[in-house]
Amino acid sequence: MAKQRGKVGGDKLTVKTAGEEFSAPLTELHDAWWNSIARAMGVTSIIQTFIAFEKLKGFLAVQKSKLCCNLYVLILKNRQ
């Protein structure tokens, strides 16, 4: 026989156990989920997020370029 595990609807998430109950508004849960990476990076606005992303792309491009140069030097050294 099927057992009811919960209800869907409303503007908050509520989880009940035998000893406790947790409840939080969906807007707060969505905000925590949606902005978690930006907050972990210390970013507080969409503009800062974009700037941080562009800086990361630039950094990765430089690292890729350095890696390619180092590999090229190793290849040349091994040919001699």
C-alpha atoms as a PDB file:
ATOM      1  CA  MET A   1       0.000   0.000   0.000  1.00  0.00           C
ATOM      2  CA  ALA A   2       1.303   3.504  -0.861  1.00  0.00           C
ATOM      3  CA  LYS A   3       2.242   5.796   1.969  1.00  0.00           C
ATOM      4  CA  GLN A   4       2.008   9.605   1.796  1.00  0.00           C
ATOM      5  CA  ARG A   5       5.452  11.185   2.163  1.00  0.00           C
ATOM      6  CA  GLY A   6       4.472  14.830   1.926  1.00  0.00           C
ATOM      7  CA  LYS A   7       2.435  17.514   0.228  1.00  0.00           C
ATOM      8  CA  VAL A   8       3.297  19.809  -2.669  1.00  0.00           C
ATOM      9  CA  GLY A   9       2.251  23.456  -2.734  1.00  0.00           C
ATOM     10  CA  GLY A  10       2.651  26.691  -0.892  1.00  0.00           C
ATOM     11  CA  ASP A  11       5.514  29.129  -0.522  1.00  0.00           C
ATOM     12  CA  LYS A  12       7.726  27.260   1.950  1.00  0.00           C
ATOM     13  CA  LEU A  13       9.471  23.937   2.418  1.00  0.00           C
ATOM     14  CA  THR A  14       8.623  22.102   5.603  1.00  0.00           C
ATOM     15  CA  VAL A  15      10.273  18.849   6.667  1.00  0.00           C
ATOM     16  CA  LYS A  16       8.951  17.041   9.714  1.00  0.00           C
ATOM     17  CA  THR A  17      10.541  14.117  11.528  1.00  0.00           C
ATOM     18  CA  ALA A  18       9.515  12.343  14.693  1.00  0.00           C
ATOM     19  CA  GLY A  19      11.484  14.810  16.811  1.00  0.00           C
ATOM     20  CA  GLU A  20      11.941  17.978  14.758  1.00  0.00           C
ATOM     21  CA  GLU A  21      10.470  20.269  12.144  1.00  0.00           C
ATOM     22  CA  PHE A  22      12.392  22.443   9.659  1.00  0.00           C
ATOM     23  CA  SER A  23      10.691  25.180   7.664  1.00  0.00           C
ATOM     24  CA  ALA A  24      12.080  27.812   5.281  1.00  0.00           C
ATOM     25  CA  PRO A  25      10.539  30.126   2.657  1.00  0.00           C
ATOM     26  CA  LEU A  26      11.186  28.940  -0.911  1.00  0.00           C
ATOM     27  CA  THR A  27      12.509  32.392  -1.850  1.00  0.00           C
ATOM     28  CA  GLU A  28      15.280  32.085   0.749  1.00  0.00           C
ATOM     29  CA  LEU A  29      16.148  28.538  -0.329  1.00  0.00           C
ATOM     30  CA  HIS A  30      16.267  29.561  -3.984  1.00  0.00           C
ATOM     31  CA  ASP A  31      18.470  32.565  -3.191  1.00  0.00           C
ATOM     32  CA  ALA A  32      20.859  30.410  -1.151  1.00  0.00           C
ATOM     33  CA  TRP A  33      21.103  27.847  -3.965  1.00  0.00           C
ATOM     34  CA  TRP A  34      21.234  30.296  -6.904  1.00  0.00           C
ATOM     35  CA  ASN A  35      23.880  32.619  -5.413  1.00  0.00           C
ATOM     36  CA  SER A  36      25.994  30.102  -3.464  1.00  0.00           C
ATOM     37  CA  ILE A  37      29.009  30.080  -5.818  1.00  0.00           C
ATOM     38  CA  ALA A  38      29.069  33.857  -6.199  1.00  0.00           C
ATOM     39  CA  ARG A  39      28.918  34.326  -2.433  1.00  0.00           C
ATOM     40  CA  ALA A  40      31.686  31.761  -1.904  1.00  0.00           C
ATOM     41  CA  MET A  41      33.833  33.852  -4.280  1.00  0.00           C
ATOM     42  CA  GLY A  42      32.922  37.054  -2.409  1.00  0.00           C
ATOM     43  CA  VAL A  43      30.880  38.394  -5.337  1.00  0.00           C
ATOM     44  CA  THR A  44      27.803  40.441  -4.456  1.00  0.00           C
ATOM     45  CA  SER A  45      26.358  41.600  -7.780  1.00  0.00           C
ATOM     46  CA  ILE A  46      25.824  40.370 -11.328  1.00  0.00           C
ATOM     47  CA  ILE A  47      28.416  42.887 -12.545  1.00  0.00           C
ATOM     48  CA  GLN A  48      30.970  41.550 -10.073  1.00  0.00           C
ATOM     49  CA  THR A  49      30.092  38.009 -11.170  1.00  0.00           C
ATOM     50  CA  PHE A  50      30.755  38.954 -14.795  1.00  0.00           C
ATOM     51  CA  ILE A  51      34.042  40.691 -13.900  1.00  0.00           C
ATOM     52  CA  ALA A  52      35.182  37.691 -11.817  1.00  0.00           C
ATOM     53  CA  PHE A  53      34.319  35.338 -14.685  1.00  0.00           C
ATOM     54  CA  GLU A  54      36.221  37.483 -17.206  1.00  0.00           C
ATOM     55  CA  LYS A  55      39.266  37.597 -14.898  1.00  0.00           C
ATOM     56  CA  LEU A  56      39.123  33.821 -14.533  1.00  0.00           C
ATOM     57  CA  LYS A  57      38.918  33.387 -18.313  1.00  0.00           C
ATOM     58  CA  GLY A  58      41.931  35.686 -18.741  1.00  0.00           C
ATOM     59  CA  PHE A  59      43.894  33.826 -16.080  1.00  0.00           C
ATOM     60  CA  LEU A  60      43.123  30.459 -17.683  1.00  0.00           C
ATOM     61  CA  ALA A  61      44.120  31.774 -21.131  1.00  0.00           C
ATOM     62  CA  VAL A  62      47.486  32.938 -19.758  1.00  0.00           C
ATOM     63  CA  GLN A  63      48.049  29.584 -18.033  1.00  0.00           C
ATOM     64  CA  LYS A  64      47.178  27.734 -21.245  1.00  0.00           C
ATOM     65  CA  SER A  65      49.610  29.921 -23.178  1.00  0.00           C
ATOM     66  CA  LYS A  66      52.390  29.306 -20.636  1.00  0.00           C
ATOM     67  CA  LEU A  67      51.732  25.574 -20.729  1.00  0.00           C
ATOM     68  CA  CYS A  68      51.886  25.509 -24.536  1.00  0.00           C
ATOM     69  CA  CYS A  69      55.182  27.451 -24.495  1.00  0.00           C
ATOM     70  CA  ASN A  70      56.663  25.120 -21.894  1.00  0.00           C
ATOM     71  CA  LEU A  71      55.618  22.059 -23.885  1.00  0.00           C
ATOM     72  CA  TYR A  72      57.117  23.535 -27.045  1.00  0.00           C
ATOM     73  CA  VAL A  73      60.424  24.175 -25.244  1.00  0.00           C
ATOM     74  CA  LEU A  74      60.441  20.595 -23.921  1.00  0.00           C
ATOM     75  CA  ILE A  75      59.793  19.224 -27.396  1.00  0.00           C
ATOM     76  CA  LEU A  76      62.644  21.300 -28.853  1.00  0.00           C
ATOM     77  CA  LYS A  77      65.032  20.207 -26.089  1.00  0.00           C
ATOM     78  CA  ASN A  78      64.200  16.550 -26.636  1.00  0.00           C
ATOM     79  CA  ARG A  79      64.837  16.829 -30.390  1.00  0.00           C
ATOM     80  CA  GLN A  80      68.454  17.930 -29.927  1.00  0.00           C
END
